[in-house]
Amino acid sequence: MARRRVPEVVVRRLAVYLRILREADLSDNRFVSSAELGEWAGVTPAQVRKDLAMFGEFGKQGVGYQGRNLRDELARILNTDETVAVAIIGMGELGAALARYIQRRHAGNREYPFRAVALFDVDPAKVGVSVEGVAIDHLDALPERVREQKVKLAVVSVPAAAAQAVTDRAVAAGVRAILDFAPVKLRVPPHVRVHYADVSLELHQLAFYL
């Protein structure tokens, strides 16, 4: 199945299933039922079975899914069965916090696949500073670092006015997926995927329910 034909909501649920399985005790070749997985994920057993069936047959009727095998298959489907190199562009307070979070999660949990391997900024006062063992490079080094570290996923945490130009440079360097924290809609080629994380917008929406 072409990846771009899979609904985003299904991909999100697969990521939830994988996180649950990575945190679960799967010793002694434990089997996990769709009812268990659905309860942990907050969806129905039928939804679990439907989601997984989009990618093949992983379970046995009346028995369930072999936990470790399902975990490994989901990691393969989500491209997180190996370490995923991440670049962070914009090392203000948010970018630095994200770098620390990703690095500490990776160091403390062998199941956590993401690792910040390249950090960028244009502020001379920040270039050369190390964050969790990774030195901040000038943005001009982006193409070289992306190539060296085989980066396909980047986090953009720059001011809105700079986000499109930074994104253009990342895409030109070979980045194929972007998590954007800037409050602006980005223009990218069809082969590049962008997800948006607008904290301010989420807070405004939550405030409606107060």
N, C-alpha and C. Protein backbone atom coordinates (compact mmCIF):
# COMPACT_ATOMS: atom_id res chain seq x y z
N MET A 1 0.84 -1.20 0.00
CA MET A 1 0.00 0.00 0.00
C MET A 1 0.87 1.25 0.00
N ALA A 2 0.55 2.21 -0.87
CA ALA A 2 1.30 3.45 -0.91
C ALA A 2 1.13 4.19 0.41
N ARG A 3 2.25 4.65 0.96
CA ARG A 3 2.20 5.27 2.28
C ARG A 3 1.30 6.50 2.31
N ARG A 4 1.28 7.27 1.23
CA ARG A 4 0.49 8.50 1.24
C ARG A 4 -1.01 8.23 1.14
N ARG A 5 -1.39 6.98 0.88
CA ARG A 5 -2.81 6.64 0.85
C ARG A 5 -3.32 6.21 2.21
N VAL A 6 -2.43 6.00 3.16
CA VAL A 6 -2.84 5.61 4.51
C VAL A 6 -3.31 6.85 5.25
N PRO A 7 -4.53 6.86 5.77
CA PRO A 7 -5.03 8.04 6.49
C PRO A 7 -4.13 8.41 7.65
N GLU A 8 -3.96 9.71 7.85
CA GLU A 8 -3.09 10.19 8.91
C GLU A 8 -3.53 9.69 10.28
N VAL A 9 -4.84 9.58 10.48
CA VAL A 9 -5.34 9.13 11.78
C VAL A 9 -4.93 7.68 12.05
N VAL A 10 -4.81 6.87 10.99
CA VAL A 10 -4.37 5.49 11.16
C VAL A 10 -2.89 5.46 11.55
N VAL A 11 -2.09 6.27 10.89
CA VAL A 11 -0.66 6.34 11.21
C VAL A 11 -0.48 6.76 12.67
N ARG A 12 -1.29 7.72 13.11
CA ARG A 12 -1.20 8.18 14.50
C ARG A 12 -1.53 7.04 15.46
N ARG A 13 -2.57 6.26 15.13
CA ARG A 13 -2.92 5.14 16.02
C ARG A 13 -1.84 4.07 16.02
N LEU A 14 -1.23 3.81 14.86
CA LEU A 14 -0.14 2.84 14.82
C LEU A 14 1.00 3.27 15.74
N ALA A 15 1.29 4.58 15.75
CA ALA A 15 2.34 5.09 16.63
C ALA A 15 1.97 4.88 18.10
N VAL A 16 0.68 5.04 18.41
CA VAL A 16 0.22 4.81 19.78
C VAL A 16 0.37 3.33 20.14
N TYR A 17 -0.05 2.44 19.23
CA TYR A 17 0.10 1.00 19.49
C TYR A 17 1.57 0.65 19.73
N LEU A 18 2.44 1.21 18.91
CA LEU A 18 3.86 0.89 19.05
C LEU A 18 4.40 1.39 20.39
N ARG A 19 4.02 2.59 20.77
CA ARG A 19 4.50 3.12 22.06
C ARG A 19 4.03 2.23 23.21
N ILE A 20 2.79 1.77 23.14
CA ILE A 20 2.26 0.88 24.18
C ILE A 20 3.06 -0.41 24.24
N LEU A 21 3.33 -0.99 23.08
CA LEU A 21 4.05 -2.27 23.05
C LEU A 21 5.50 -2.11 23.49
N ARG A 22 6.09 -0.97 23.18
CA ARG A 22 7.48 -0.74 23.61
C ARG A 22 7.58 -0.58 25.12
N GLU A 23 6.50 -0.12 25.74
CA GLU A 23 6.52 0.09 27.19
C GLU A 23 5.96 -1.11 27.95
N ALA A 24 5.35 -2.06 27.24
CA ALA A 24 4.72 -3.21 27.89
C ALA A 24 5.73 -4.30 28.20
N ASP A 25 5.36 -5.16 29.14
CA ASP A 25 6.17 -6.34 29.46
C ASP A 25 5.80 -7.44 28.46
N LEU A 26 6.69 -7.69 27.52
CA LEU A 26 6.42 -8.68 26.47
C LEU A 26 7.30 -9.92 26.64
N SER A 27 7.68 -10.21 27.87
CA SER A 27 8.52 -11.37 28.13
C SER A 27 7.73 -12.66 27.95
N ASP A 28 8.44 -13.77 27.86
CA ASP A 28 7.84 -15.10 27.74
C ASP A 28 6.94 -15.22 26.51
N ASN A 29 7.34 -14.54 25.42
CA ASN A 29 6.59 -14.63 24.16
C ASN A 29 5.11 -14.32 24.36
N ARG A 30 4.82 -13.34 25.15
CA ARG A 30 3.45 -13.00 25.49
C ARG A 30 2.65 -12.59 24.26
N PHE A 31 1.40 -13.04 24.21
CA PHE A 31 0.47 -12.62 23.18
C PHE A 31 -0.38 -11.47 23.71
N VAL A 32 -0.76 -10.57 22.81
CA VAL A 32 -1.58 -9.42 23.16
C VAL A 32 -2.83 -9.46 22.29
N SER A 33 -4.00 -9.34 22.90
CA SER A 33 -5.24 -9.38 22.14
C SER A 33 -5.60 -7.99 21.62
N SER A 34 -6.47 -7.94 20.63
CA SER A 34 -6.94 -6.65 20.13
C SER A 34 -7.74 -5.92 21.20
N ALA A 35 -8.38 -6.68 22.09
CA ALA A 35 -9.13 -6.06 23.18
C ALA A 35 -8.19 -5.35 24.14
N GLU A 36 -7.07 -6.01 24.48
CA GLU A 36 -6.09 -5.38 25.37
C GLU A 36 -5.49 -4.14 24.73
N LEU A 37 -5.06 -4.28 23.49
CA LEU A 37 -4.42 -3.17 22.80
C LEU A 37 -5.40 -2.01 22.64
N GLY A 38 -6.66 -2.35 22.33
CA GLY A 38 -7.67 -1.31 22.18
C GLY A 38 -7.95 -0.59 23.48
N GLU A 39 -8.00 -1.35 24.59
CA GLU A 39 -8.24 -0.72 25.89
C GLU A 39 -7.12 0.24 26.24
N TRP A 40 -5.88 -0.19 26.02
CA TRP A 40 -4.73 0.67 26.34
C TRP A 40 -4.70 1.91 25.45
N ALA A 41 -5.14 1.75 24.19
CA ALA A 41 -5.06 2.86 23.23
C ALA A 41 -6.31 3.72 23.21
N GLY A 42 -7.37 3.25 23.85
CA GLY A 42 -8.61 4.02 23.87
C GLY A 42 -9.44 3.89 22.61
N VAL A 43 -9.33 2.73 21.93
CA VAL A 43 -10.14 2.48 20.74
C VAL A 43 -10.76 1.09 20.87
N THR A 44 -11.65 0.75 19.95
CA THR A 44 -12.31 -0.55 20.02
C THR A 44 -11.40 -1.65 19.48
N PRO A 45 -11.62 -2.90 19.90
CA PRO A 45 -10.85 -4.01 19.33
C PRO A 45 -11.00 -4.09 17.81
N ALA A 46 -12.20 -3.80 17.32
CA ALA A 46 -12.43 -3.84 15.87
C ALA A 46 -11.56 -2.81 15.15
N GLN A 47 -11.38 -1.65 15.76
CA GLN A 47 -10.55 -0.61 15.15
C GLN A 47 -9.09 -1.06 15.10
N VAL A 48 -8.63 -1.70 16.17
CA VAL A 48 -7.26 -2.22 16.18
C VAL A 48 -7.06 -3.21 15.04
N ARG A 49 -7.99 -4.15 14.92
CA ARG A 49 -7.86 -5.18 13.87
C ARG A 49 -7.90 -4.55 12.48
N LYS A 50 -8.77 -3.57 12.30
CA LYS A 50 -8.89 -2.90 11.00
C LYS A 50 -7.61 -2.16 10.66
N ASP A 51 -7.05 -1.45 11.63
CA ASP A 51 -5.81 -0.70 11.39
C ASP A 51 -4.67 -1.64 10.99
N LEU A 52 -4.52 -2.72 11.74
CA LEU A 52 -3.40 -3.63 11.48
C LEU A 52 -3.59 -4.39 10.18
N ALA A 53 -4.85 -4.69 9.84
CA ALA A 53 -5.12 -5.45 8.62
C ALA A 53 -4.74 -4.68 7.36
N MET A 54 -4.60 -3.36 7.47
CA MET A 54 -4.18 -2.57 6.31
C MET A 54 -2.77 -2.91 5.87
N PHE A 55 -2.00 -3.55 6.78
CA PHE A 55 -0.59 -3.80 6.49
C PHE A 55 -0.23 -5.29 6.49
N GLY A 56 -1.23 -6.15 6.66
CA GLY A 56 -0.95 -7.57 6.62
C GLY A 56 -1.67 -8.32 7.73
N GLU A 57 -1.40 -9.60 7.82
CA GLU A 57 -1.99 -10.45 8.85
C GLU A 57 -0.94 -10.70 9.92
N PHE A 58 -1.17 -10.14 11.11
CA PHE A 58 -0.17 -10.25 12.18
C PHE A 58 -0.61 -11.14 13.33
N GLY A 59 -1.90 -11.45 13.42
CA GLY A 59 -2.39 -12.18 14.58
C GLY A 59 -3.04 -13.50 14.22
N LYS A 60 -3.45 -14.22 15.27
CA LYS A 60 -4.15 -15.48 15.12
C LYS A 60 -5.51 -15.36 15.79
N GLN A 61 -6.54 -15.74 15.06
CA GLN A 61 -7.90 -15.62 15.60
C GLN A 61 -8.04 -16.42 16.88
N GLY A 62 -8.58 -15.79 17.90
CA GLY A 62 -8.78 -16.46 19.18
C GLY A 62 -7.55 -16.46 20.07
N VAL A 63 -6.41 -16.02 19.53
CA VAL A 63 -5.17 -16.02 20.30
C VAL A 63 -4.65 -14.59 20.48
N GLY A 64 -4.62 -13.85 19.38
CA GLY A 64 -4.13 -12.48 19.43
C GLY A 64 -2.84 -12.32 18.66
N TYR A 65 -2.05 -11.35 19.08
CA TYR A 65 -0.81 -11.00 18.39
C TYR A 65 0.38 -11.34 19.28
N GLN A 66 1.38 -11.98 18.70
CA GLN A 66 2.62 -12.19 19.43
C GLN A 66 3.25 -10.82 19.66
N GLY A 67 3.37 -10.43 20.93
CA GLY A 67 3.71 -9.05 21.28
C GLY A 67 4.98 -8.53 20.65
N ARG A 68 6.05 -9.29 20.76
CA ARG A 68 7.33 -8.82 20.23
C ARG A 68 7.30 -8.71 18.71
N ASN A 69 6.67 -9.69 18.07
CA ASN A 69 6.59 -9.65 16.61
C ASN A 69 5.79 -8.44 16.14
N LEU A 70 4.66 -8.18 16.81
CA LEU A 70 3.84 -7.04 16.42
C LEU A 70 4.60 -5.73 16.66
N ARG A 71 5.28 -5.65 17.78
CA ARG A 71 6.09 -4.45 18.06
C ARG A 71 7.11 -4.22 16.96
N ASP A 72 7.80 -5.27 16.56
CA ASP A 72 8.84 -5.13 15.54
C ASP A 72 8.24 -4.79 14.18
N GLU A 73 7.08 -5.37 13.87
CA GLU A 73 6.43 -5.07 12.59
C GLU A 73 5.95 -3.62 12.54
N LEU A 74 5.40 -3.14 13.65
CA LEU A 74 4.95 -1.75 13.68
C LEU A 74 6.13 -0.79 13.56
N ALA A 75 7.24 -1.13 14.19
CA ALA A 75 8.43 -0.29 14.07
C ALA A 75 8.91 -0.25 12.62
N ARG A 76 8.84 -1.39 11.95
CA ARG A 76 9.25 -1.43 10.54
C ARG A 76 8.31 -0.59 9.68
N ILE A 77 7.01 -0.72 9.91
CA ILE A 77 6.02 0.03 9.14
C ILE A 77 6.22 1.54 9.33
N LEU A 78 6.52 1.94 10.57
CA LEU A 78 6.68 3.36 10.89
C LEU A 78 8.10 3.88 10.65
N ASN A 79 8.96 3.02 10.09
CA ASN A 79 10.35 3.41 9.81
C ASN A 79 11.12 3.79 11.07
N THR A 80 10.78 3.16 12.18
CA THR A 80 11.50 3.43 13.43
C THR A 80 12.13 2.16 13.99
N ASP A 81 12.41 1.20 13.12
CA ASP A 81 13.08 -0.02 13.56
C ASP A 81 14.58 0.19 13.71
N GLU A 82 15.08 1.32 13.23
CA GLU A 82 16.46 1.72 13.44
C GLU A 82 16.46 3.17 13.92
N THR A 83 17.62 3.63 14.38
CA THR A 83 17.71 5.01 14.86
C THR A 83 17.38 5.99 13.75
N VAL A 84 16.54 6.97 14.08
CA VAL A 84 16.13 8.01 13.13
C VAL A 84 16.90 9.29 13.45
N ALA A 85 17.71 9.73 12.49
CA ALA A 85 18.51 10.94 12.68
C ALA A 85 17.63 12.17 12.50
N VAL A 86 17.70 13.09 13.46
CA VAL A 86 16.87 14.29 13.45
C VAL A 86 17.75 15.53 13.47
N ALA A 87 17.40 16.52 12.64
CA ALA A 87 18.05 17.83 12.69
C ALA A 87 17.08 18.82 13.31
N ILE A 88 17.60 19.73 14.12
CA ILE A 88 16.78 20.79 14.71
C ILE A 88 17.32 22.12 14.22
N ILE A 89 16.46 22.89 13.58
CA ILE A 89 16.86 24.18 13.01
C ILE A 89 16.22 25.29 13.83
N GLY A 90 17.05 26.07 14.48
CA GLY A 90 16.58 27.12 15.38
C GLY A 90 16.80 26.70 16.81
N MET A 91 17.87 27.22 17.42
CA MET A 91 18.25 26.77 18.76
C MET A 91 17.98 27.83 19.82
N GLY A 92 16.78 28.40 19.74
CA GLY A 92 16.31 29.24 20.83
C GLY A 92 15.90 28.36 22.00
N GLU A 93 15.10 28.90 22.90
CA GLU A 93 14.70 28.13 24.08
C GLU A 93 13.96 26.85 23.69
N LEU A 94 13.06 26.95 22.72
CA LEU A 94 12.29 25.78 22.30
C LEU A 94 13.19 24.75 21.63
N GLY A 95 14.01 25.18 20.68
CA GLY A 95 14.88 24.24 19.99
C GLY A 95 15.83 23.54 20.94
N ALA A 96 16.40 24.29 21.88
CA ALA A 96 17.32 23.69 22.85
C ALA A 96 16.59 22.69 23.74
N ALA A 97 15.37 23.04 24.15
CA ALA A 97 14.59 22.12 24.99
C ALA A 97 14.26 20.84 24.24
N LEU A 98 13.91 20.96 22.97
CA LEU A 98 13.62 19.78 22.16
C LEU A 98 14.85 18.90 21.99
N ALA A 99 16.00 19.54 21.77
CA ALA A 99 17.24 18.78 21.63
C ALA A 99 17.56 18.00 22.91
N ARG A 100 17.41 18.67 24.05
CA ARG A 100 17.68 17.98 25.32
C ARG A 100 16.70 16.84 25.54
N TYR A 101 15.44 17.07 25.23
CA TYR A 101 14.43 16.03 25.42
C TYR A 101 14.73 14.80 24.56
N ILE A 102 14.98 15.03 23.27
CA ILE A 102 15.23 13.92 22.36
C ILE A 102 16.49 13.15 22.76
N GLN A 103 17.56 13.86 23.08
CA GLN A 103 18.81 13.20 23.43
C GLN A 103 18.69 12.40 24.72
N ARG A 104 18.02 12.95 25.70
CA ARG A 104 17.90 12.25 26.98
C ARG A 104 16.98 11.04 26.86
N ARG A 105 15.92 11.16 26.07
CA ARG A 105 15.06 10.00 25.84
C ARG A 105 15.83 8.90 25.13
N HIS A 106 16.62 9.28 24.13
CA HIS A 106 17.37 8.29 23.37
C HIS A 106 18.42 7.61 24.25
N ALA A 107 19.09 8.39 25.08
CA ALA A 107 20.13 7.84 25.94
C ALA A 107 19.55 6.94 27.03
N GLY A 108 18.35 7.27 27.51
CA GLY A 108 17.78 6.54 28.62
C GLY A 108 16.87 5.39 28.25
N ASN A 109 16.56 5.24 26.97
CA ASN A 109 15.62 4.20 26.55
C ASN A 109 16.04 3.68 25.18
N ARG A 110 16.54 2.47 25.14
CA ARG A 110 17.03 1.92 23.87
C ARG A 110 15.91 1.72 22.85
N GLU A 111 14.65 1.73 23.32
CA GLU A 111 13.53 1.58 22.40
C GLU A 111 13.15 2.91 21.73
N TYR A 112 13.66 4.03 22.26
CA TYR A 112 13.31 5.34 21.69
C TYR A 112 14.18 5.57 20.46
N PRO A 113 13.60 5.68 19.27
CA PRO A 113 14.40 5.61 18.04
C PRO A 113 15.02 6.93 17.58
N PHE A 114 14.57 8.06 18.11
CA PHE A 114 14.99 9.34 17.56
C PHE A 114 16.24 9.87 18.26
N ARG A 115 17.12 10.46 17.45
CA ARG A 115 18.36 11.02 17.99
C ARG A 115 18.68 12.31 17.26
N ALA A 116 18.89 13.37 18.01
CA ALA A 116 19.26 14.66 17.41
C ALA A 116 20.74 14.62 17.05
N VAL A 117 21.02 14.63 15.77
CA VAL A 117 22.41 14.50 15.31
C VAL A 117 22.97 15.79 14.74
N ALA A 118 22.10 16.78 14.50
CA ALA A 118 22.55 18.04 13.90
C ALA A 118 21.68 19.18 14.41
N LEU A 119 22.32 20.25 14.88
CA LEU A 119 21.63 21.42 15.41
C LEU A 119 22.13 22.65 14.67
N PHE A 120 21.20 23.58 14.37
CA PHE A 120 21.58 24.73 13.54
C PHE A 120 20.99 26.03 14.08
N ASP A 121 21.76 27.10 13.87
CA ASP A 121 21.28 28.44 14.18
C ASP A 121 22.13 29.42 13.37
N VAL A 122 21.71 30.68 13.34
CA VAL A 122 22.50 31.71 12.64
C VAL A 122 23.11 32.70 13.61
N ASP A 123 22.79 32.57 14.89
CA ASP A 123 23.31 33.48 15.92
C ASP A 123 24.76 33.10 16.24
N PRO A 124 25.72 33.99 15.98
CA PRO A 124 27.13 33.67 16.27
C PRO A 124 27.36 33.27 17.73
N ALA A 125 26.53 33.78 18.64
CA ALA A 125 26.71 33.46 20.05
C ALA A 125 26.32 32.01 20.37
N LYS A 126 25.53 31.40 19.49
CA LYS A 126 25.08 30.02 19.73
C LYS A 126 25.90 29.01 18.95
N VAL A 127 26.43 29.41 17.80
CA VAL A 127 27.21 28.48 16.98
C VAL A 127 28.44 28.02 17.76
N GLY A 128 28.63 26.72 17.81
CA GLY A 128 29.74 26.14 18.55
C GLY A 128 29.39 25.69 19.94
N VAL A 129 28.26 26.16 20.47
CA VAL A 129 27.81 25.73 21.79
C VAL A 129 27.29 24.30 21.70
N SER A 130 27.57 23.50 22.70
CA SER A 130 27.15 22.10 22.70
C SER A 130 25.88 21.92 23.52
N VAL A 131 24.95 21.17 22.97
CA VAL A 131 23.71 20.81 23.67
C VAL A 131 23.63 19.29 23.72
N GLU A 132 23.73 18.75 24.92
CA GLU A 132 23.69 17.29 25.10
C GLU A 132 24.71 16.59 24.20
N GLY A 133 25.88 17.18 24.09
CA GLY A 133 26.96 16.55 23.34
C GLY A 133 26.97 16.81 21.85
N VAL A 134 26.04 17.62 21.35
CA VAL A 134 25.98 17.94 19.92
C VAL A 134 26.24 19.44 19.75
N ALA A 135 27.24 19.78 18.96
CA ALA A 135 27.58 21.18 18.76
C ALA A 135 26.62 21.83 17.77
N ILE A 136 26.26 23.07 18.05
CA ILE A 136 25.39 23.82 17.15
C ILE A 136 26.21 24.33 15.97
N ASP A 137 25.76 24.04 14.76
CA ASP A 137 26.41 24.51 13.54
C ASP A 137 25.68 25.73 13.00
N HIS A 138 26.39 26.50 12.18
CA HIS A 138 25.73 27.57 11.45
C HIS A 138 24.82 26.95 10.40
N LEU A 139 23.75 27.62 10.09
CA LEU A 139 22.78 27.10 9.11
C LEU A 139 23.43 26.81 7.77
N ASP A 140 24.50 27.51 7.44
CA ASP A 140 25.17 27.27 6.17
C ASP A 140 25.73 25.86 6.05
N ALA A 141 25.92 25.19 7.19
CA ALA A 141 26.46 23.83 7.19
C ALA A 141 25.37 22.78 6.99
N LEU A 142 24.12 23.22 6.83
CA LEU A 142 22.99 22.29 6.74
C LEU A 142 23.16 21.22 5.66
N PRO A 143 23.46 21.57 4.41
CA PRO A 143 23.58 20.52 3.38
C PRO A 143 24.63 19.47 3.71
N GLU A 144 25.76 19.92 4.22
CA GLU A 144 26.84 18.99 4.53
C GLU A 144 26.46 18.06 5.67
N ARG A 145 25.86 18.60 6.73
CA ARG A 145 25.49 17.77 7.88
C ARG A 145 24.36 16.80 7.53
N VAL A 146 23.40 17.26 6.76
CA VAL A 146 22.30 16.38 6.35
C VAL A 146 22.84 15.20 5.55
N ARG A 147 23.79 15.48 4.68
CA ARG A 147 24.39 14.41 3.89
C ARG A 147 25.22 13.47 4.76
N GLU A 148 26.05 14.03 5.63
CA GLU A 148 26.91 13.21 6.48
C GLU A 148 26.12 12.33 7.43
N GLN A 149 25.09 12.91 8.04
CA GLN A 149 24.34 12.20 9.08
C GLN A 149 23.11 11.47 8.53
N LYS A 150 22.90 11.57 7.22
CA LYS A 150 21.76 10.91 6.57
C LYS A 150 20.44 11.32 7.21
N VAL A 151 20.28 12.61 7.36
CA VAL A 151 19.08 13.17 8.00
C VAL A 151 17.94 13.25 6.99
N LYS A 152 16.79 12.73 7.36
CA LYS A 152 15.58 12.85 6.54
C LYS A 152 14.46 13.59 7.26
N LEU A 153 14.63 13.79 8.57
CA LEU A 153 13.58 14.41 9.38
C LEU A 153 14.17 15.62 10.09
N ALA A 154 13.48 16.76 9.98
CA ALA A 154 13.97 17.98 10.62
C ALA A 154 12.85 18.64 11.43
N VAL A 155 13.26 19.29 12.50
CA VAL A 155 12.36 20.10 13.32
C VAL A 155 12.69 21.56 13.03
N VAL A 156 11.67 22.35 12.70
CA VAL A 156 11.85 23.77 12.43
C VAL A 156 11.28 24.55 13.61
N SER A 157 12.16 25.25 14.32
CA SER A 157 11.72 26.03 15.49
C SER A 157 12.32 27.43 15.41
N VAL A 158 12.02 28.09 14.31
CA VAL A 158 12.51 29.44 14.06
C VAL A 158 11.32 30.40 14.03
N PRO A 159 11.55 31.72 14.08
CA PRO A 159 10.44 32.67 13.95
C PRO A 159 9.70 32.49 12.63
N ALA A 160 8.43 32.84 12.63
CA ALA A 160 7.58 32.63 11.46
C ALA A 160 8.17 33.25 10.20
N ALA A 161 8.77 34.42 10.33
CA ALA A 161 9.29 35.13 9.16
C ALA A 161 10.42 34.37 8.48
N ALA A 162 11.10 33.50 9.22
CA ALA A 162 12.24 32.77 8.67
C ALA A 162 11.90 31.33 8.30
N ALA A 163 10.70 30.87 8.65
CA ALA A 163 10.38 29.45 8.53
C ALA A 163 10.40 28.95 7.09
N GLN A 164 9.83 29.70 6.15
CA GLN A 164 9.78 29.22 4.77
C GLN A 164 11.17 29.12 4.16
N ALA A 165 12.01 30.12 4.38
CA ALA A 165 13.36 30.09 3.83
C ALA A 165 14.16 28.94 4.41
N VAL A 166 14.02 28.71 5.70
CA VAL A 166 14.71 27.60 6.36
C VAL A 166 14.21 26.27 5.80
N THR A 167 12.91 26.16 5.62
CA THR A 167 12.33 24.94 5.07
C THR A 167 12.83 24.68 3.66
N ASP A 168 12.90 25.71 2.85
CA ASP A 168 13.41 25.56 1.48
C ASP A 168 14.83 24.99 1.49
N ARG A 169 15.64 25.48 2.40
CA ARG A 169 17.03 25.00 2.47
C ARG A 169 17.08 23.56 2.96
N ALA A 170 16.21 23.21 3.89
CA ALA A 170 16.18 21.84 4.40
C ALA A 170 15.74 20.87 3.31
N VAL A 171 14.70 21.24 2.56
CA VAL A 171 14.21 20.39 1.48
C VAL A 171 15.27 20.23 0.40
N ALA A 172 15.94 21.32 0.06
CA ALA A 172 17.00 21.26 -0.96
C ALA A 172 18.15 20.36 -0.50
N ALA A 173 18.35 20.26 0.81
CA ALA A 173 19.43 19.43 1.34
C ALA A 173 19.06 17.95 1.37
N GLY A 174 17.76 17.64 1.21
CA GLY A 174 17.34 16.25 1.18
C GLY A 174 16.39 15.83 2.28
N VAL A 175 15.96 16.76 3.13
CA VAL A 175 15.01 16.43 4.19
C VAL A 175 13.65 16.10 3.57
N ARG A 176 12.99 15.06 4.09
CA ARG A 176 11.73 14.60 3.51
C ARG A 176 10.55 14.72 4.48
N ALA A 177 10.81 15.04 5.74
CA ALA A 177 9.74 15.19 6.72
C ALA A 177 10.11 16.30 7.68
N ILE A 178 9.13 17.16 7.99
CA ILE A 178 9.39 18.34 8.81
C ILE A 178 8.32 18.46 9.89
N LEU A 179 8.77 18.69 11.12
CA LEU A 179 7.88 19.06 12.21
C LEU A 179 8.07 20.55 12.45
N ASP A 180 7.03 21.32 12.17
CA ASP A 180 7.13 22.78 12.18
C ASP A 180 6.48 23.37 13.42
N PHE A 181 7.27 24.10 14.21
CA PHE A 181 6.75 24.79 15.39
C PHE A 181 6.47 26.26 15.10
N ALA A 182 6.82 26.73 13.92
CA ALA A 182 6.55 28.12 13.57
C ALA A 182 5.08 28.26 13.17
N PRO A 183 4.41 29.32 13.62
CA PRO A 183 2.98 29.50 13.32
C PRO A 183 2.75 30.02 11.90
N VAL A 184 3.11 29.20 10.91
CA VAL A 184 2.96 29.60 9.52
C VAL A 184 2.80 28.35 8.66
N LYS A 185 2.00 28.46 7.61
CA LYS A 185 1.80 27.35 6.68
C LYS A 185 2.98 27.31 5.71
N LEU A 186 3.61 26.15 5.61
CA LEU A 186 4.79 26.02 4.77
C LEU A 186 4.43 25.45 3.40
N ARG A 187 5.16 25.89 2.39
CA ARG A 187 5.00 25.37 1.03
C ARG A 187 6.16 24.40 0.77
N VAL A 188 5.79 23.16 0.46
CA VAL A 188 6.81 22.14 0.21
C VAL A 188 6.41 21.31 -1.01
N PRO A 189 7.35 20.62 -1.63
CA PRO A 189 7.03 19.74 -2.76
C PRO A 189 6.17 18.56 -2.30
N PRO A 190 5.50 17.88 -3.23
CA PRO A 190 4.61 16.77 -2.88
C PRO A 190 5.29 15.64 -2.12
N HIS A 191 6.59 15.44 -2.34
CA HIS A 191 7.27 14.31 -1.70
C HIS A 191 7.69 14.61 -0.26
N VAL A 192 7.46 15.83 0.21
CA VAL A 192 7.85 16.22 1.56
C VAL A 192 6.61 16.31 2.45
N ARG A 193 6.70 15.74 3.63
CA ARG A 193 5.58 15.74 4.57
C ARG A 193 5.85 16.76 5.68
N VAL A 194 4.83 17.57 6.00
CA VAL A 194 4.95 18.55 7.07
C VAL A 194 3.86 18.32 8.10
N HIS A 195 4.24 18.28 9.36
CA HIS A 195 3.29 18.29 10.46
C HIS A 195 3.53 19.55 11.28
N TYR A 196 2.44 20.09 11.83
CA TYR A 196 2.53 21.36 12.54
C TYR A 196 2.27 21.16 14.03
N ALA A 197 3.06 21.84 14.84
CA ALA A 197 2.90 21.80 16.29
C ALA A 197 2.82 23.24 16.78
N ASP A 198 1.60 23.75 16.88
CA ASP A 198 1.38 25.14 17.27
C ASP A 198 0.85 25.17 18.70
N VAL A 199 1.75 25.36 19.65
CA VAL A 199 1.38 25.32 21.06
C VAL A 199 0.37 26.42 21.40
N SER A 200 0.60 27.62 20.87
CA SER A 200 -0.31 28.73 21.16
C SER A 200 -1.72 28.44 20.66
N LEU A 201 -1.82 27.86 19.47
CA LEU A 201 -3.13 27.53 18.92
C LEU A 201 -3.84 26.50 19.79
N GLU A 202 -3.11 25.49 20.24
CA GLU A 202 -3.71 24.47 21.10
C GLU A 202 -4.21 25.08 22.40
N LEU A 203 -3.45 26.00 22.98
CA LEU A 203 -3.87 26.65 24.22
C LEU A 203 -5.13 27.48 24.00
N HIS A 204 -5.20 28.17 22.86
CA HIS A 204 -6.41 28.95 22.56
C HIS A 204 -7.63 28.04 22.44
N GLN A 205 -7.45 26.89 21.80
CA GLN A 205 -8.58 25.97 21.66
C GLN A 205 -9.00 25.42 23.01
N LEU A 206 -8.04 25.09 23.86
CA LEU A 206 -8.38 24.57 25.19
C LEU A 206 -9.07 25.63 26.04
N ALA A 207 -8.67 26.88 25.86
CA ALA A 207 -9.26 27.96 26.65
C ALA A 207 -10.76 28.07 26.42
N PHE A 208 -11.22 27.66 25.25
CA PHE A 208 -12.65 27.70 24.93
C PHE A 208 -13.46 26.87 25.92
N TYR A 209 -12.85 25.79 26.45
CA TYR A 209 -13.58 24.86 27.31
C TYR A 209 -13.47 25.20 28.80
N LEU A 210 -12.82 26.29 29.13
CA LEU A 210 -12.66 26.66 30.54
C LEU A 210 -13.98 27.15 31.13
